[in-house]
Structure formats: structure tokens, C-alpha cells
Amino acid sequence: MSRLVLDMDMRNFLKEHKLTLVESFSVLYSGWEMDGTWYLCQRENGEKVVVATSHGDPYITGRETLEQRCEEYRKVLQKTESILAQI
């Protein structure tokens, strides 16, 4: 098992509530402070593209990036379902 570094607030909370950490897992949010919205756009020739942002700066991304995002969502969903089955 890899070592998880907890901040002082979390360690204090666990200690105060007499809790032991068993496993960590990710929770998806719609985005962080920025870049939570991407856009499906269409070029004049009819080609559709996705416009994303990085730190607020837009860029065109492709199918591979969307497939990578979907793979990450599947991993997080599997982990979340695994935790849910344990409670």
C-alpha cells in the first residue's frame, strides 16, 4: 500500500473522531476553479471540434483527449462503487 500524506487538518479530524484511514479514492467535480466547461464547435467546412481551456486559455483538442477523460471517469466510478460496496 502506498503511503498517503495527509494534511494536519485531516490528521486532527481523524484523531478527534477516532477514525482510521482505510483507503483513499477520488471524487469527481465538474471542474476546478476554471476550465470546467469545454465546447463542441463546428468549422465552416462542417467538421466538428472540441474547444477546451487550460488556465482559461482555449485550445482545440481531439477525440483522444475525450477518450482519456472517459477512461478516467470509468476508473473513478469503479473505485467509488468499490468503496460503496464496503459500507
C-alpha atoms as a PDB file:
ATOM      1  CA  MET A   1       0.000   0.000   0.000  1.00  0.00           C
ATOM      2  CA  SER A   2       1.395   3.407  -0.914  1.00  0.00           C
ATOM      3  CA  ARG A   3       1.857   5.976   1.802  1.00  0.00           C
ATOM      4  CA  LEU A   4      -0.777   8.686   1.793  1.00  0.00           C
ATOM      5  CA  VAL A   5       0.300  12.103   3.030  1.00  0.00           C
ATOM      6  CA  LEU A   6      -2.487  13.797   4.970  1.00  0.00           C
ATOM      7  CA  ASP A   7      -2.517  17.427   5.896  1.00  0.00           C
ATOM      8  CA  MET A   8      -2.614  18.428   9.562  1.00  0.00           C
ATOM      9  CA  ASP A   9      -6.334  19.283   9.492  1.00  0.00           C
ATOM     10  CA  MET A  10      -7.226  15.828   8.207  1.00  0.00           C
ATOM     11  CA  ARG A  11      -4.966  14.074  10.692  1.00  0.00           C
ATOM     12  CA  ASN A  12      -6.512  16.100  13.521  1.00  0.00           C
ATOM     13  CA  PHE A  13     -10.026  15.332  12.299  1.00  0.00           C
ATOM     14  CA  LEU A  14      -9.296  11.602  12.129  1.00  0.00           C
ATOM     15  CA  LYS A  15      -7.763  11.661  15.588  1.00  0.00           C
ATOM     16  CA  GLU A  16     -10.568  13.768  17.086  1.00  0.00           C
ATOM     17  CA  HIS A  17     -13.213  11.414  15.712  1.00  0.00           C
ATOM     18  CA  LYS A  18     -11.147   8.317  16.431  1.00  0.00           C
ATOM     19  CA  LEU A  19     -11.091   7.238  12.804  1.00  0.00           C
ATOM     20  CA  THR A  20      -8.561   5.145  10.935  1.00  0.00           C
ATOM     21  CA  LEU A  21      -7.987   5.697   7.253  1.00  0.00           C
ATOM     22  CA  VAL A  22      -8.547   2.514   5.248  1.00  0.00           C
ATOM     23  CA  GLU A  23      -8.323   3.721   1.642  1.00  0.00           C
ATOM     24  CA  SER A  24      -8.477   6.947  -0.335  1.00  0.00           C
ATOM     25  CA  PHE A  25     -10.426   7.493  -3.558  1.00  0.00           C
ATOM     26  CA  SER A  26     -11.161  10.312  -5.954  1.00  0.00           C
ATOM     27  CA  VAL A  27     -14.423  12.201  -6.170  1.00  0.00           C
ATOM     28  CA  LEU A  28     -15.249  13.927  -9.436  1.00  0.00           C
ATOM     29  CA  TYR A  29     -16.292  17.541  -9.565  1.00  0.00           C
ATOM     30  CA  SER A  30     -17.421  19.409 -12.652  1.00  0.00           C
ATOM     31  CA  GLY A  31     -14.102  21.215 -12.711  1.00  0.00           C
ATOM     32  CA  TRP A  32     -11.718  23.097 -10.582  1.00  0.00           C
ATOM     33  CA  GLU A  33     -11.787  26.884 -10.307  1.00  0.00           C
ATOM     34  CA  MET A  34     -11.570  27.178 -14.078  1.00  0.00           C
ATOM     35  CA  ASP A  35     -11.699  25.027 -17.163  1.00  0.00           C
ATOM     36  CA  GLY A  36     -14.836  23.146 -16.165  1.00  0.00           C
ATOM     37  CA  THR A  37     -16.590  23.783 -19.460  1.00  0.00           C
ATOM     38  CA  TRP A  38     -15.496  22.520 -22.855  1.00  0.00           C
ATOM     39  CA  TYR A  39     -17.285  23.284 -26.122  1.00  0.00           C
ATOM     40  CA  LEU A  40     -18.310  21.270 -29.159  1.00  0.00           C
ATOM     41  CA  CYS A  41     -17.810  23.582 -32.141  1.00  0.00           C
ATOM     42  CA  GLN A  42     -18.170  23.262 -35.868  1.00  0.00           C
ATOM     43  CA  ARG A  43     -15.825  24.634 -38.544  1.00  0.00           C
ATOM     44  CA  GLU A  44     -17.111  26.288 -41.691  1.00  0.00           C
ATOM     45  CA  ASN A  45     -16.446  23.054 -43.595  1.00  0.00           C
ATOM     46  CA  GLY A  46     -18.777  21.185 -41.221  1.00  0.00           C
ATOM     47  CA  GLU A  47     -16.020  19.482 -39.214  1.00  0.00           C
ATOM     48  CA  LYS A  48     -16.774  19.374 -35.513  1.00  0.00           C
ATOM     49  CA  VAL A  49     -14.065  20.022 -32.936  1.00  0.00           C
ATOM     50  CA  VAL A  50     -13.879  20.331 -29.192  1.00  0.00           C
ATOM     51  CA  VAL A  51     -12.538  23.516 -27.642  1.00  0.00           C
ATOM     52  CA  ALA A  52     -11.184  23.163 -24.122  1.00  0.00           C
ATOM     53  CA  THR A  53      -9.343  25.575 -21.857  1.00  0.00           C
ATOM     54  CA  SER A  54      -6.208  25.362 -19.790  1.00  0.00           C
ATOM     55  CA  HIS A  55      -5.955  28.018 -17.087  1.00  0.00           C
ATOM     56  CA  GLY A  56      -8.580  29.922 -19.044  1.00  0.00           C
ATOM     57  CA  ASP A  57      -6.733  29.753 -22.375  1.00  0.00           C
ATOM     58  CA  PRO A  58      -8.751  27.961 -25.070  1.00  0.00           C
ATOM     59  CA  TYR A  59      -7.320  25.257 -27.299  1.00  0.00           C
ATOM     60  CA  ILE A  60      -8.695  22.685 -29.715  1.00  0.00           C
ATOM     61  CA  THR A  61      -8.485  19.135 -28.530  1.00  0.00           C
ATOM     62  CA  GLY A  62      -9.452  15.902 -30.161  1.00  0.00           C
ATOM     63  CA  ARG A  63     -11.142  12.595 -29.729  1.00  0.00           C
ATOM     64  CA  GLU A  64      -8.154  11.069 -27.919  1.00  0.00           C
ATOM     65  CA  THR A  65      -8.423  13.613 -25.101  1.00  0.00           C
ATOM     66  CA  LEU A  66     -12.130  12.904 -24.677  1.00  0.00           C
ATOM     67  CA  GLU A  67     -11.436   9.161 -24.639  1.00  0.00           C
ATOM     68  CA  GLN A  68      -8.790   9.722 -21.936  1.00  0.00           C
ATOM     69  CA  ARG A  69     -11.285  11.717 -19.853  1.00  0.00           C
ATOM     70  CA  CYS A  70     -13.847   8.907 -20.208  1.00  0.00           C
ATOM     71  CA  GLU A  71     -11.259   6.362 -19.090  1.00  0.00           C
ATOM     72  CA  GLU A  72     -10.506   8.459 -16.001  1.00  0.00           C
ATOM     73  CA  TYR A  73     -14.229   8.725 -15.229  1.00  0.00           C
ATOM     74  CA  ARG A  74     -14.580   4.929 -15.524  1.00  0.00           C
ATOM     75  CA  LYS A  75     -11.667   4.378 -13.122  1.00  0.00           C
ATOM     76  CA  VAL A  76     -13.122   6.772 -10.564  1.00  0.00           C
ATOM     77  CA  LEU A  77     -16.583   5.226 -10.930  1.00  0.00           C
ATOM     78  CA  GLN A  78     -15.184   1.712 -10.392  1.00  0.00           C
ATOM     79  CA  LYS A  79     -13.280   2.854  -7.294  1.00  0.00           C
ATOM     80  CA  THR A  80     -16.299   4.699  -5.902  1.00  0.00           C
ATOM     81  CA  GLU A  81     -18.515   1.643  -6.448  1.00  0.00           C
ATOM     82  CA  SER A  82     -15.899  -0.500  -4.698  1.00  0.00           C
ATOM     83  CA  ILE A  83     -15.958   1.795  -1.658  1.00  0.00           C
ATOM     84  CA  LEU A  84     -19.763   1.910  -1.722  1.00  0.00           C
ATOM     85  CA  ALA A  85     -19.893  -1.893  -1.611  1.00  0.00           C
ATOM     86  CA  GLN A  86     -17.809  -1.832   1.568  1.00  0.00           C
ATOM     87  CA  ILE A  87     -20.202   0.321   3.590  1.00  0.00           C
END
